[in-house]
Amino acid sequence: KASLKKDLDMVYDYFPRLKNLRNATSGYLSGGEQQMLVMGRAM
């Protein structure tokens, strides 16, 4: 857990769109945004 912020920053660097949507409810994202999210979650 100590690396949580660093890991989030890493994902947001790969997917800047997710950073802008970080407080959005995931179920309302577009298909492309959801694909970015599941890949970022794996990262």
PDB file of all heavy atoms in Angstrom:
ATOM      1  N   LYS A   1       0.818  -1.205   0.000  1.00  0.00           N
ATOM      2  CA  LYS A   1       0.000   0.000   0.000  1.00  0.00           C
ATOM      3  C   LYS A   1       0.859   1.265   0.000  1.00  0.00           C
ATOM      4  O   LYS A   1       0.408   2.329  -0.393  1.00  0.00           O
ATOM      5  CB  LYS A   1      -0.931  -0.006   1.215  1.00  0.00           C
ATOM      6  CG  LYS A   1      -2.001  -1.085   1.165  1.00  0.00           C
ATOM      7  CD  LYS A   1      -2.935  -0.997   2.355  1.00  0.00           C
ATOM      8  CE  LYS A   1      -4.022  -2.073   2.278  1.00  0.00           C
ATOM      9  NZ  LYS A   1      -4.932  -2.008   3.450  1.00  0.00           N
ATOM     10  N   ALA A   2       2.089   1.146   0.452  1.00  0.00           N
ATOM     11  CA  ALA A   2       2.967   2.309   0.521  1.00  0.00           C
ATOM     12  C   ALA A   2       3.210   2.921  -0.856  1.00  0.00           C
ATOM     13  O   ALA A   2       3.514   4.104  -0.982  1.00  0.00           O
ATOM     14  CB  ALA A   2       4.302   1.925   1.158  1.00  0.00           C
ATOM     15  N   SER A   3       3.073   2.100  -1.913  1.00  0.00           N
ATOM     16  CA  SER A   3       3.341   2.593  -3.263  1.00  0.00           C
ATOM     17  C   SER A   3       2.063   3.000  -3.992  1.00  0.00           C
ATOM     18  O   SER A   3       2.093   3.235  -5.199  1.00  0.00           O
ATOM     19  CB  SER A   3       4.065   1.508  -4.068  1.00  0.00           C
ATOM     20  OG  SER A   3       3.225   0.367  -4.232  1.00  0.00           O
ATOM     21  N   LEU A   4       0.946   3.106  -3.278  1.00  0.00           N
ATOM     22  CA  LEU A   4      -0.346   3.348  -3.911  1.00  0.00           C
ATOM     23  C   LEU A   4      -0.361   4.640  -4.727  1.00  0.00           C
ATOM     24  O   LEU A   4      -0.764   4.639  -5.892  1.00  0.00           O
ATOM     25  CB  LEU A   4      -1.452   3.380  -2.856  1.00  0.00           C
ATOM     26  CG  LEU A   4      -2.871   3.633  -3.374  1.00  0.00           C
ATOM     27  CD1 LEU A   4      -3.283   2.551  -4.350  1.00  0.00           C
ATOM     28  CD2 LEU A   4      -3.854   3.707  -2.204  1.00  0.00           C
ATOM     29  N   LYS A   5       0.062   5.749  -4.141  1.00  0.00           N
ATOM     30  CA  LYS A   5       0.031   7.027  -4.867  1.00  0.00           C
ATOM     31  C   LYS A   5       0.937   6.978  -6.090  1.00  0.00           C
ATOM     32  O   LYS A   5       0.572   7.461  -7.171  1.00  0.00           O
ATOM     33  CB  LYS A   5       0.450   8.175  -3.952  1.00  0.00           C
ATOM     34  CG  LYS A   5       0.328   9.543  -4.618  1.00  0.00           C
ATOM     35  CD  LYS A   5       0.733  10.654  -3.694  1.00  0.00           C
ATOM     36  CE  LYS A   5       0.495  12.021  -4.362  1.00  0.00           C
ATOM     37  NZ  LYS A   5       1.148  12.140  -5.677  1.00  0.00           N
ATOM     38  N   LYS A   6       2.114   6.391  -5.921  1.00  0.00           N
ATOM     39  CA  LYS A   6       3.051   6.272  -7.036  1.00  0.00           C
ATOM     40  C   LYS A   6       2.445   5.432  -8.160  1.00  0.00           C
ATOM     41  O   LYS A   6       2.590   5.759  -9.346  1.00  0.00           O
ATOM     42  CB  LYS A   6       4.353   5.645  -6.546  1.00  0.00           C
ATOM     43  CG  LYS A   6       5.415   5.489  -7.618  1.00  0.00           C
ATOM     44  CD  LYS A   6       6.673   4.869  -7.046  1.00  0.00           C
ATOM     45  CE  LYS A   6       7.730   4.655  -8.129  1.00  0.00           C
ATOM     46  NZ  LYS A   6       8.950   4.008  -7.566  1.00  0.00           N
ATOM     47  N   ASP A   7       1.756   4.358  -7.789  1.00  0.00           N
ATOM     48  CA  ASP A   7       1.148   3.486  -8.797  1.00  0.00           C
ATOM     49  C   ASP A   7      -0.004   4.188  -9.514  1.00  0.00           C
ATOM     50  O   ASP A   7      -0.178   4.031 -10.728  1.00  0.00           O
ATOM     51  CB  ASP A   7       0.659   2.194  -8.142  1.00  0.00           C
ATOM     52  CG  ASP A   7       1.802   1.343  -7.620  1.00  0.00           C
ATOM     53  OD1 ASP A   7       2.951   1.558  -8.058  1.00  0.00           O
ATOM     54  OD2 ASP A   7       1.559   0.474  -6.769  1.00  0.00           O
ATOM     55  N   LEU A   8      -0.800   4.953  -8.762  1.00  0.00           N
ATOM     56  CA  LEU A   8      -1.880   5.710  -9.389  1.00  0.00           C
ATOM     57  C   LEU A   8      -1.317   6.731 -10.377  1.00  0.00           C
ATOM     58  O   LEU A   8      -1.847   6.897 -11.482  1.00  0.00           O
ATOM     59  CB  LEU A   8      -2.721   6.415  -8.326  1.00  0.00           C
ATOM     60  CG  LEU A   8      -3.678   5.532  -7.522  1.00  0.00           C
ATOM     61  CD1 LEU A   8      -4.261   6.313  -6.350  1.00  0.00           C
ATOM     62  CD2 LEU A   8      -4.800   4.989  -8.398  1.00  0.00           C
ATOM     63  N   ASP A   9      -0.251   7.400  -9.984  1.00  0.00           N
ATOM     64  CA  ASP A   9       0.382   8.369 -10.882  1.00  0.00           C
ATOM     65  C   ASP A   9       0.892   7.693 -12.148  1.00  0.00           C
ATOM     66  O   ASP A   9       0.812   8.273 -13.246  1.00  0.00           O
ATOM     67  CB  ASP A   9       1.527   9.081 -10.165  1.00  0.00           C
ATOM     68  CG  ASP A   9       1.046  10.058  -9.095  1.00  0.00           C
ATOM     69  OD1 ASP A   9      -0.139  10.444  -9.147  1.00  0.00           O
ATOM     70  OD2 ASP A   9       1.847  10.419  -8.209  1.00  0.00           O
ATOM     71  N   MET A  10       1.410   6.468 -11.991  1.00  0.00           N
ATOM     72  CA  MET A  10       1.883   5.719 -13.154  1.00  0.00           C
ATOM     73  C   MET A  10       0.732   5.457 -14.124  1.00  0.00           C
ATOM     74  O   MET A  10       0.848   5.687 -15.341  1.00  0.00           O
ATOM     75  CB  MET A  10       2.498   4.387 -12.725  1.00  0.00           C
ATOM     76  CG  MET A  10       2.845   3.460 -13.888  1.00  0.00           C
ATOM     77  SD  MET A  10       3.170   1.742 -13.405  1.00  0.00           S
ATOM     78  CE  MET A  10       1.531   1.203 -12.865  1.00  0.00           C
ATOM     79  N   VAL A  11      -0.391   4.982 -13.592  1.00  0.00           N
ATOM     80  CA  VAL A  11      -1.546   4.678 -14.443  1.00  0.00           C
ATOM     81  C   VAL A  11      -2.068   5.951 -15.102  1.00  0.00           C
ATOM     82  O   VAL A  11      -2.391   5.958 -16.298  1.00  0.00           O
ATOM     83  CB  VAL A  11      -2.661   3.994 -13.627  1.00  0.00           C
ATOM     84  CG1 VAL A  11      -3.941   3.868 -14.454  1.00  0.00           C
ATOM     85  CG2 VAL A  11      -2.208   2.617 -13.159  1.00  0.00           C
ATOM     86  N   TYR A  12      -2.135   7.039 -14.348  1.00  0.00           N
ATOM     87  CA  TYR A  12      -2.622   8.298 -14.916  1.00  0.00           C
ATOM     88  C   TYR A  12      -1.675   8.847 -15.974  1.00  0.00           C
ATOM     89  O   TYR A  12      -2.099   9.572 -16.876  1.00  0.00           O
ATOM     90  CB  TYR A  12      -2.827   9.332 -13.806  1.00  0.00           C
ATOM     91  CG  TYR A  12      -3.966   8.996 -12.865  1.00  0.00           C
ATOM     92  CD1 TYR A  12      -3.907   9.327 -11.511  1.00  0.00           C
ATOM     93  CD2 TYR A  12      -5.117   8.357 -13.327  1.00  0.00           C
ATOM     94  CE1 TYR A  12      -4.945   9.028 -10.649  1.00  0.00           C
ATOM     95  CE2 TYR A  12      -6.161   8.045 -12.475  1.00  0.00           C
ATOM     96  CZ  TYR A  12      -6.078   8.389 -11.137  1.00  0.00           C
ATOM     97  OH  TYR A  12      -7.113   8.092 -10.284  1.00  0.00           O
ATOM     98  N   ASP A  13      -0.408   8.498 -15.884  1.00  0.00           N
ATOM     99  CA  ASP A  13       0.541   8.904 -16.911  1.00  0.00           C
ATOM    100  C   ASP A  13       0.267   8.161 -18.217  1.00  0.00           C
ATOM    101  O   ASP A  13       0.346   8.742 -19.297  1.00  0.00           O
ATOM    102  CB  ASP A  13       1.973   8.625 -16.436  1.00  0.00           C
ATOM    103  CG  ASP A  13       3.008   9.077 -17.460  1.00  0.00           C
ATOM    104  OD1 ASP A  13       2.966  10.251 -17.868  1.00  0.00           O
ATOM    105  OD2 ASP A  13       3.852   8.252 -17.860  1.00  0.00           O
ATOM    106  N   TYR A  14      -0.074   6.879 -18.108  1.00  0.00           N
ATOM    107  CA  TYR A  14      -0.414   6.101 -19.302  1.00  0.00           C
ATOM    108  C   TYR A  14      -1.788   6.479 -19.842  1.00  0.00           C
ATOM    109  O   TYR A  14      -2.010   6.484 -21.054  1.00  0.00           O
ATOM    110  CB  TYR A  14      -0.378   4.597 -18.992  1.00  0.00           C
ATOM    111  CG  TYR A  14       1.002   4.021 -18.882  1.00  0.00           C
ATOM    112  CD1 TYR A  14       1.498   3.574 -17.658  1.00  0.00           C
ATOM    113  CD2 TYR A  14       1.831   3.922 -20.002  1.00  0.00           C
ATOM    114  CE1 TYR A  14       2.782   3.040 -17.550  1.00  0.00           C
ATOM    115  CE2 TYR A  14       3.108   3.400 -19.901  1.00  0.00           C
ATOM    116  CZ  TYR A  14       3.574   2.962 -18.680  1.00  0.00           C
ATOM    117  OH  TYR A  14       4.849   2.451 -18.585  1.00  0.00           O
ATOM    118  N   PHE A  15      -2.720   6.775 -18.935  1.00  0.00           N
ATOM    119  CA  PHE A  15      -4.099   7.089 -19.323  1.00  0.00           C
ATOM    120  C   PHE A  15      -4.527   8.423 -18.711  1.00  0.00           C
ATOM    121  O   PHE A  15      -5.260   8.444 -17.718  1.00  0.00           O
ATOM    122  CB  PHE A  15      -5.050   5.984 -18.862  1.00  0.00           C
ATOM    123  CG  PHE A  15      -4.750   4.621 -19.404  1.00  0.00           C
ATOM    124  CD1 PHE A  15      -4.210   3.639 -18.579  1.00  0.00           C
ATOM    125  CD2 PHE A  15      -5.018   4.304 -20.730  1.00  0.00           C
ATOM    126  CE1 PHE A  15      -3.942   2.366 -19.071  1.00  0.00           C
ATOM    127  CE2 PHE A  15      -4.757   3.038 -21.228  1.00  0.00           C
ATOM    128  CZ  PHE A  15      -4.213   2.066 -20.406  1.00  0.00           C
ATOM    129  N   PRO A  16      -4.086   9.550 -19.282  1.00  0.00           N
ATOM    130  CA  PRO A  16      -4.448  10.860 -18.725  1.00  0.00           C
ATOM    131  C   PRO A  16      -5.956  11.074 -18.610  1.00  0.00           C
ATOM    132  O   PRO A  16      -6.424  11.792 -17.719  1.00  0.00           O
ATOM    133  CB  PRO A  16      -3.826  11.846 -19.729  1.00  0.00           C
ATOM    134  CG  PRO A  16      -2.721  11.081 -20.387  1.00  0.00           C
ATOM    135  CD  PRO A  16      -3.188   9.668 -20.450  1.00  0.00           C
ATOM    136  N   ARG A  17      -6.712  10.438 -19.499  1.00  0.00           N
ATOM    137  CA  ARG A  17      -8.165  10.591 -19.458  1.00  0.00           C
ATOM    138  C   ARG A  17      -8.742  10.060 -18.141  1.00  0.00           C
ATOM    139  O   ARG A  17      -9.717  10.599 -17.609  1.00  0.00           O
ATOM    140  CB  ARG A  17      -8.796   9.856 -20.647  1.00  0.00           C
ATOM    141  CG  ARG A  17     -10.194  10.343 -20.996  1.00  0.00           C
ATOM    142  CD  ARG A  17     -10.735   9.646 -22.229  1.00  0.00           C
ATOM    143  NE  ARG A  17      -9.791   9.654 -23.338  1.00  0.00           N
ATOM    144  CZ  ARG A  17     -10.060   9.152 -24.538  1.00  0.00           C
ATOM    145  NH1 ARG A  17     -11.246   8.600 -24.776  1.00  0.00           N
ATOM    146  NH2 ARG A  17      -9.159   9.184 -25.489  1.00  0.00           N
ATOM    147  N   LEU A  18      -8.134   9.010 -17.603  1.00  0.00           N
ATOM    148  CA  LEU A  18      -8.624   8.444 -16.343  1.00  0.00           C
ATOM    149  C   LEU A  18      -8.400   9.400 -15.170  1.00  0.00           C
ATOM    150  O   LEU A  18      -9.187   9.419 -14.223  1.00  0.00           O
ATOM    151  CB  LEU A  18      -7.937   7.103 -16.059  1.00  0.00           C
ATOM    152  CG  LEU A  18      -8.250   5.960 -17.017  1.00  0.00           C
ATOM    153  CD1 LEU A  18      -7.552   4.685 -16.549  1.00  0.00           C
ATOM    154  CD2 LEU A  18      -9.756   5.732 -17.144  1.00  0.00           C
ATOM    155  N   LYS A  19      -7.331  10.164 -15.241  1.00  0.00           N
ATOM    156  CA  LYS A  19      -7.078  11.131 -14.164  1.00  0.00           C
ATOM    157  C   LYS A  19      -8.184  12.167 -14.105  1.00  0.00           C
ATOM    158  O   LYS A  19      -8.662  12.540 -13.019  1.00  0.00           O
ATOM    159  CB  LYS A  19      -5.727  11.802 -14.363  1.00  0.00           C
ATOM    160  CG  LYS A  19      -5.341  12.730 -13.219  1.00  0.00           C
ATOM    161  CD  LYS A  19      -3.934  13.274 -13.380  1.00  0.00           C
ATOM    162  CE  LYS A  19      -3.537  14.111 -12.167  1.00  0.00           C
ATOM    163  NZ  LYS A  19      -2.148  14.622 -12.291  1.00  0.00           N
ATOM    164  N   ASN A  20      -8.629  12.617 -15.275  1.00  0.00           N
ATOM    165  CA  ASN A  20      -9.719  13.590 -15.315  1.00  0.00           C
ATOM    166  C   ASN A  20     -11.044  12.993 -14.865  1.00  0.00           C
ATOM    167  O   ASN A  20     -11.944  13.721 -14.432  1.00  0.00           O
ATOM    168  CB  ASN A  20      -9.863  14.148 -16.738  1.00  0.00           C
ATOM    169  CG  ASN A  20      -8.633  14.905 -17.197  1.00  0.00           C
ATOM    170  OD1 ASN A  20      -7.919  15.505 -16.392  1.00  0.00           O
ATOM    171  ND2 ASN A  20      -8.368  14.880 -18.499  1.00  0.00           N
ATOM    172  N   LEU A  21     -11.143  11.661 -14.973  1.00  0.00           N
ATOM    173  CA  LEU A  21     -12.392  10.975 -14.618  1.00  0.00           C
ATOM    174  C   LEU A  21     -12.297  10.224 -13.295  1.00  0.00           C
ATOM    175  O   LEU A  21     -13.164   9.410 -12.984  1.00  0.00           O
ATOM    176  CB  LEU A  21     -12.751   9.968 -15.731  1.00  0.00           C
ATOM    177  CG  LEU A  21     -13.098  10.553 -17.097  1.00  0.00           C
ATOM    178  CD1 LEU A  21     -13.104   9.448 -18.153  1.00  0.00           C
ATOM    179  CD2 LEU A  21     -14.446  11.259 -17.059  1.00  0.00           C
ATOM    180  N   ARG A  22     -11.251  10.498 -12.506  1.00  0.00           N
ATOM    181  CA  ARG A  22     -10.976   9.648 -11.340  1.00  0.00           C
ATOM    182  C   ARG A  22     -12.119   9.594 -10.325  1.00  0.00           C
ATOM    183  O   ARG A  22     -12.262   8.602  -9.612  1.00  0.00           O
ATOM    184  CB  ARG A  22      -9.683  10.093 -10.649  1.00  0.00           C
ATOM    185  CG  ARG A  22      -9.677  11.513 -10.117  1.00  0.00           C
ATOM    186  CD  ARG A  22      -8.278  11.857  -9.579  1.00  0.00           C
ATOM    187  NE  ARG A  22      -8.196  13.208  -9.062  1.00  0.00           N
ATOM    188  CZ  ARG A  22      -7.957  14.281  -9.809  1.00  0.00           C
ATOM    189  NH1 ARG A  22      -7.790  14.131 -11.119  1.00  0.00           N
ATOM    190  NH2 ARG A  22      -7.894  15.481  -9.270  1.00  0.00           N
ATOM    191  N   ASN A  23     -12.963  10.620 -10.282  1.00  0.00           N
ATOM    192  CA  ASN A  23     -14.088  10.625  -9.344  1.00  0.00           C
ATOM    193  C   ASN A  23     -15.409  10.252  -9.996  1.00  0.00           C
ATOM    194  O   ASN A  23     -16.456  10.266  -9.348  1.00  0.00           O
ATOM    195  CB  ASN A  23     -14.216  12.004  -8.677  1.00  0.00           C
ATOM    196  CG  ASN A  23     -13.010  12.327  -7.806  1.00  0.00           C
ATOM    197  OD1 ASN A  23     -12.518  11.483  -7.067  1.00  0.00           O
ATOM    198  ND2 ASN A  23     -12.527  13.565  -7.892  1.00  0.00           N
ATOM    199  N   ALA A  24     -15.358   9.880 -11.279  1.00  0.00           N
ATOM    200  CA  ALA A  24     -16.573   9.498 -12.006  1.00  0.00           C
ATOM    201  C   ALA A  24     -16.960   8.064 -11.687  1.00  0.00           C
ATOM    202  O   ALA A  24     -16.116   7.212 -11.414  1.00  0.00           O
ATOM    203  CB  ALA A  24     -16.351   9.658 -13.509  1.00  0.00           C
ATOM    204  N   THR A  25     -18.252   7.775 -11.724  1.00  0.00           N
ATOM    205  CA  THR A  25     -18.745   6.412 -11.513  1.00  0.00           C
ATOM    206  C   THR A  25     -18.413   5.563 -12.740  1.00  0.00           C
ATOM    207  O   THR A  25     -18.754   5.935 -13.868  1.00  0.00           O
ATOM    208  CB  THR A  25     -20.265   6.416 -11.275  1.00  0.00           C
ATOM    209  OG1 THR A  25     -20.548   7.246 -10.147  1.00  0.00           O
ATOM    210  CG2 THR A  25     -20.778   5.005 -11.000  1.00  0.00           C
ATOM    211  N   SER A  26     -17.765   4.444 -12.510  1.00  0.00           N
ATOM    212  CA  SER A  26     -17.218   3.651 -13.615  1.00  0.00           C
ATOM    213  C   SER A  26     -18.277   3.145 -14.582  1.00  0.00           C
ATOM    214  O   SER A  26     -18.022   3.014 -15.783  1.00  0.00           O
ATOM    215  CB  SER A  26     -16.427   2.462 -13.053  1.00  0.00           C
ATOM    216  OG  SER A  26     -15.392   2.917 -12.232  1.00  0.00           O
ATOM    217  N   GLY A  27     -19.447   2.850 -14.066  1.00  0.00           N
ATOM    218  CA  GLY A  27     -20.494   2.308 -14.916  1.00  0.00           C
ATOM    219  C   GLY A  27     -20.987   3.268 -15.977  1.00  0.00           C
ATOM    220  O   GLY A  27     -21.645   2.849 -16.936  1.00  0.00           O
ATOM    221  N   TYR A  28     -20.674   4.561 -15.834  1.00  0.00           N
ATOM    222  CA  TYR A  28     -21.133   5.560 -16.794  1.00  0.00           C
ATOM    223  C   TYR A  28     -20.050   5.939 -17.805  1.00  0.00           C
ATOM    224  O   TYR A  28     -20.268   6.820 -18.637  1.00  0.00           O
ATOM    225  CB  TYR A  28     -21.599   6.820 -16.055  1.00  0.00           C
ATOM    226  CG  TYR A  28     -22.848   6.595 -15.238  1.00  0.00           C
ATOM    227  CD1 TYR A  28     -22.790   6.520 -13.857  1.00  0.00           C
ATOM    228  CD2 TYR A  28     -24.091   6.433 -15.851  1.00  0.00           C
ATOM    229  CE1 TYR A  28     -23.930   6.297 -13.093  1.00  0.00           C
ATOM    230  CE2 TYR A  28     -25.240   6.205 -15.110  1.00  0.00           C
ATOM    231  CZ  TYR A  28     -25.153   6.138 -13.725  1.00  0.00           C
ATOM    232  OH  TYR A  28     -26.288   5.907 -12.989  1.00  0.00           O
ATOM    233  N   LEU A  29     -18.909   5.289 -17.750  1.00  0.00           N
ATOM    234  CA  LEU A  29     -17.849   5.573 -18.710  1.00  0.00           C
ATOM    235  C   LEU A  29     -18.183   4.990 -20.074  1.00  0.00           C
ATOM    236  O   LEU A  29     -18.967   4.043 -20.191  1.00  0.00           O
ATOM    237  CB  LEU A  29     -16.515   4.991 -18.232  1.00  0.00           C
ATOM    238  CG  LEU A  29     -15.967   5.455 -16.880  1.00  0.00           C
ATOM    239  CD1 LEU A  29     -14.616   4.799 -16.628  1.00  0.00           C
ATOM    240  CD2 LEU A  29     -15.863   6.964 -16.809  1.00  0.00           C
ATOM    241  N   SER A  30     -17.561   5.526 -21.110  1.00  0.00           N
ATOM    242  CA  SER A  30     -17.713   4.958 -22.451  1.00  0.00           C
ATOM    243  C   SER A  30     -16.966   3.629 -22.526  1.00  0.00           C
ATOM    244  O   SER A  30     -16.172   3.288 -21.636  1.00  0.00           O
ATOM    245  CB  SER A  30     -17.152   5.920 -23.503  1.00  0.00           C
ATOM    246  OG  SER A  30     -15.730   6.000 -23.382  1.00  0.00           O
ATOM    247  N   GLY A  31     -17.204   2.888 -23.604  1.00  0.00           N
ATOM    248  CA  GLY A  31     -16.525   1.599 -23.764  1.00  0.00           C
ATOM    249  C   GLY A  31     -15.016   1.746 -23.787  1.00  0.00           C
ATOM    250  O   GLY A  31     -14.288   0.960 -23.179  1.00  0.00           O
ATOM    251  N   GLY A  32     -14.522   2.754 -24.494  1.00  0.00           N
ATOM    252  CA  GLY A  32     -13.078   2.973 -24.559  1.00  0.00           C
ATOM    253  C   GLY A  32     -12.494   3.352 -23.211  1.00  0.00           C
ATOM    254  O   GLY A  32     -11.407   2.883 -22.836  1.00  0.00           O
ATOM    255  N   GLU A  33     -13.207   4.189 -22.468  1.00  0.00           N
ATOM    256  CA  GLU A  33     -12.737   4.588 -21.134  1.00  0.00           C
ATOM    257  C   GLU A  33     -12.737   3.403 -20.177  1.00  0.00           C
ATOM    258  O   GLU A  33     -11.829   3.251 -19.355  1.00  0.00           O
ATOM    259  CB  GLU A  33     -13.614   5.720 -20.609  1.00  0.00           C
ATOM    260  CG  GLU A  33     -13.413   7.027 -21.362  1.00  0.00           C
ATOM    261  CD  GLU A  33     -14.536   8.035 -21.146  1.00  0.00           C
ATOM    262  OE1 GLU A  33     -15.582   7.655 -20.566  1.00  0.00           O
ATOM    263  OE2 GLU A  33     -14.388   9.193 -21.565  1.00  0.00           O
ATOM    264  N   GLN A  34     -13.736   2.537 -20.301  1.00  0.00           N
ATOM    265  CA  GLN A  34     -13.761   1.342 -19.454  1.00  0.00           C
ATOM    266  C   GLN A  34     -12.622   0.394 -19.802  1.00  0.00           C
ATOM    267  O   GLN A  34     -12.036  -0.238 -18.917  1.00  0.00           O
ATOM    268  CB  GLN A  34     -15.109   0.630 -19.584  1.00  0.00           C
ATOM    269  CG  GLN A  34     -16.243   1.380 -18.922  1.00  0.00           C
ATOM    270  CD  GLN A  34     -17.538   0.586 -18.909  1.00  0.00           C
ATOM    271  OE1 GLN A  34     -17.625  -0.514 -19.466  1.00  0.00           O
ATOM    272  NE2 GLN A  34     -18.567   1.133 -18.286  1.00  0.00           N
ATOM    273  N   GLN A  35     -12.276   0.296 -21.087  1.00  0.00           N
ATOM    274  CA  GLN A  35     -11.141  -0.548 -21.477  1.00  0.00           C
ATOM    275  C   GLN A  35      -9.852   0.002 -20.893  1.00  0.00           C
ATOM    276  O   GLN A  35      -9.010  -0.752 -20.396  1.00  0.00           O
ATOM    277  CB  GLN A  35     -11.037  -0.632 -22.998  1.00  0.00           C
ATOM    278  CG  GLN A  35      -9.935  -1.558 -23.497  1.00  0.00           C
ATOM    279  CD  GLN A  35     -10.153  -3.005 -23.074  1.00  0.00           C
ATOM    280  OE1 GLN A  35     -11.257  -3.526 -23.188  1.00  0.00           O
ATOM    281  NE2 GLN A  35      -9.109  -3.643 -22.568  1.00  0.00           N
ATOM    282  N   MET A  36      -9.679   1.310 -20.928  1.00  0.00           N
ATOM    283  CA  MET A  36      -8.517   1.929 -20.301  1.00  0.00           C
ATOM    284  C   MET A  36      -8.493   1.642 -18.803  1.00  0.00           C
ATOM    285  O   MET A  36      -7.428   1.361 -18.227  1.00  0.00           O
ATOM    286  CB  MET A  36      -8.536   3.439 -20.541  1.00  0.00           C
ATOM    287  CG  MET A  36      -8.333   3.845 -21.982  1.00  0.00           C
ATOM    288  SD  MET A  36      -8.452   5.640 -22.183  1.00  0.00           S
ATOM    289  CE  MET A  36      -8.224   5.794 -23.952  1.00  0.00           C
ATOM    290  N   LEU A  37      -9.656   1.680 -18.178  1.00  0.00           N
ATOM    291  CA  LEU A  37      -9.735   1.459 -16.730  1.00  0.00           C
ATOM    292  C   LEU A  37      -9.324   0.044 -16.357  1.00  0.00           C
ATOM    293  O   LEU A  37      -8.541  -0.146 -15.413  1.00  0.00           O
ATOM    294  CB  LEU A  37     -11.152   1.752 -16.239  1.00  0.00           C
ATOM    295  CG  LEU A  37     -11.423   1.503 -14.750  1.00  0.00           C
ATOM    296  CD1 LEU A  37     -10.441   2.255 -13.874  1.00  0.00           C
ATOM    297  CD2 LEU A  37     -12.864   1.885 -14.400  1.00  0.00           C
ATOM    298  N   VAL A  38      -9.823  -0.967 -17.064  1.00  0.00           N
ATOM    299  CA  VAL A  38      -9.475  -2.341 -16.689  1.00  0.00           C
ATOM    300  C   VAL A  38      -8.000  -2.633 -16.948  1.00  0.00           C
ATOM    301  O   VAL A  38      -7.362  -3.403 -16.221  1.00  0.00           O
ATOM    302  CB  VAL A  38     -10.376  -3.373 -17.402  1.00  0.00           C
ATOM    303  CG1 VAL A  38     -11.815  -3.249 -16.921  1.00  0.00           C
ATOM    304  CG2 VAL A  38     -10.307  -3.261 -18.913  1.00  0.00           C
ATOM    305  N   MET A  39      -7.446  -1.985 -17.977  1.00  0.00           N
ATOM    306  CA  MET A  39      -6.019  -2.153 -18.221  1.00  0.00           C
ATOM    307  C   MET A  39      -5.206  -1.434 -17.143  1.00  0.00           C
ATOM    308  O   MET A  39      -4.208  -1.955 -16.644  1.00  0.00           O
ATOM    309  CB  MET A  39      -5.660  -1.629 -19.611  1.00  0.00           C
ATOM    310  CG  MET A  39      -6.181  -2.488 -20.742  1.00  0.00           C
ATOM    311  SD  MET A  39      -5.889  -1.785 -22.384  1.00  0.00           S
ATOM    312  CE  MET A  39      -4.102  -1.721 -22.417  1.00  0.00           C
ATOM    313  N   GLY A  40      -5.651  -0.240 -16.773  1.00  0.00           N
ATOM    314  CA  GLY A  40      -4.970   0.479 -15.699  1.00  0.00           C
ATOM    315  C   GLY A  40      -5.053  -0.259 -14.387  1.00  0.00           C
ATOM    316  O   GLY A  40      -4.090  -0.282 -13.603  1.00  0.00           O
ATOM    317  N   ARG A  41      -6.185  -0.878 -14.126  1.00  0.00           N
ATOM    318  CA  ARG A  41      -6.356  -1.661 -12.889  1.00  0.00           C
ATOM    319  C   ARG A  41      -5.369  -2.822 -12.853  1.00  0.00           C
ATOM    320  O   ARG A  41      -4.804  -3.143 -11.809  1.00  0.00           O
ATOM    321  CB  ARG A  41      -7.800  -2.166 -12.816  1.00  0.00           C
ATOM    322  CG  ARG A  41      -8.185  -2.772 -11.481  1.00  0.00           C
ATOM    323  CD  ARG A  41      -9.689  -3.012 -11.430  1.00  0.00           C
ATOM    324  NE  ARG A  41     -10.121  -3.959 -12.450  1.00  0.00           N
ATOM    325  CZ  ARG A  41     -11.395  -4.175 -12.774  1.00  0.00           C
ATOM    326  NH1 ARG A  41     -12.359  -3.487 -12.172  1.00  0.00           N
ATOM    327  NH2 ARG A  41     -11.717  -5.059 -13.695  1.00  0.00           N
ATOM    328  N   ALA A  42      -5.147  -3.446 -14.005  1.00  0.00           N
ATOM    329  CA  ALA A  42      -4.159  -4.527 -14.075  1.00  0.00           C
ATOM    330  C   ALA A  42      -2.750  -3.993 -13.873  1.00  0.00           C
ATOM    331  O   ALA A  42      -1.916  -4.639 -13.212  1.00  0.00           O
ATOM    332  CB  ALA A  42      -4.266  -5.243 -15.424  1.00  0.00           C
ATOM    333  N   MET A  43      -2.458  -2.816 -14.421  1.00  0.00           N
ATOM    334  CA  MET A  43      -1.135  -2.222 -14.250  1.00  0.00           C
ATOM    335  C   MET A  43      -0.811  -1.946 -12.786  1.00  0.00           C
ATOM    336  O   MET A  43       0.354  -1.982 -12.380  1.00  0.00           O
ATOM    337  CB  MET A  43      -1.053  -0.914 -15.045  1.00  0.00           C
ATOM    338  CG  MET A  43      -1.050  -1.077 -16.548  1.00  0.00           C
ATOM    339  SD  MET A  43      -1.098   0.556 -17.354  1.00  0.00           S
ATOM    340  CE  MET A  43      -1.041   0.094 -19.085  1.00  0.00           C
TER     341      MET A  43
END
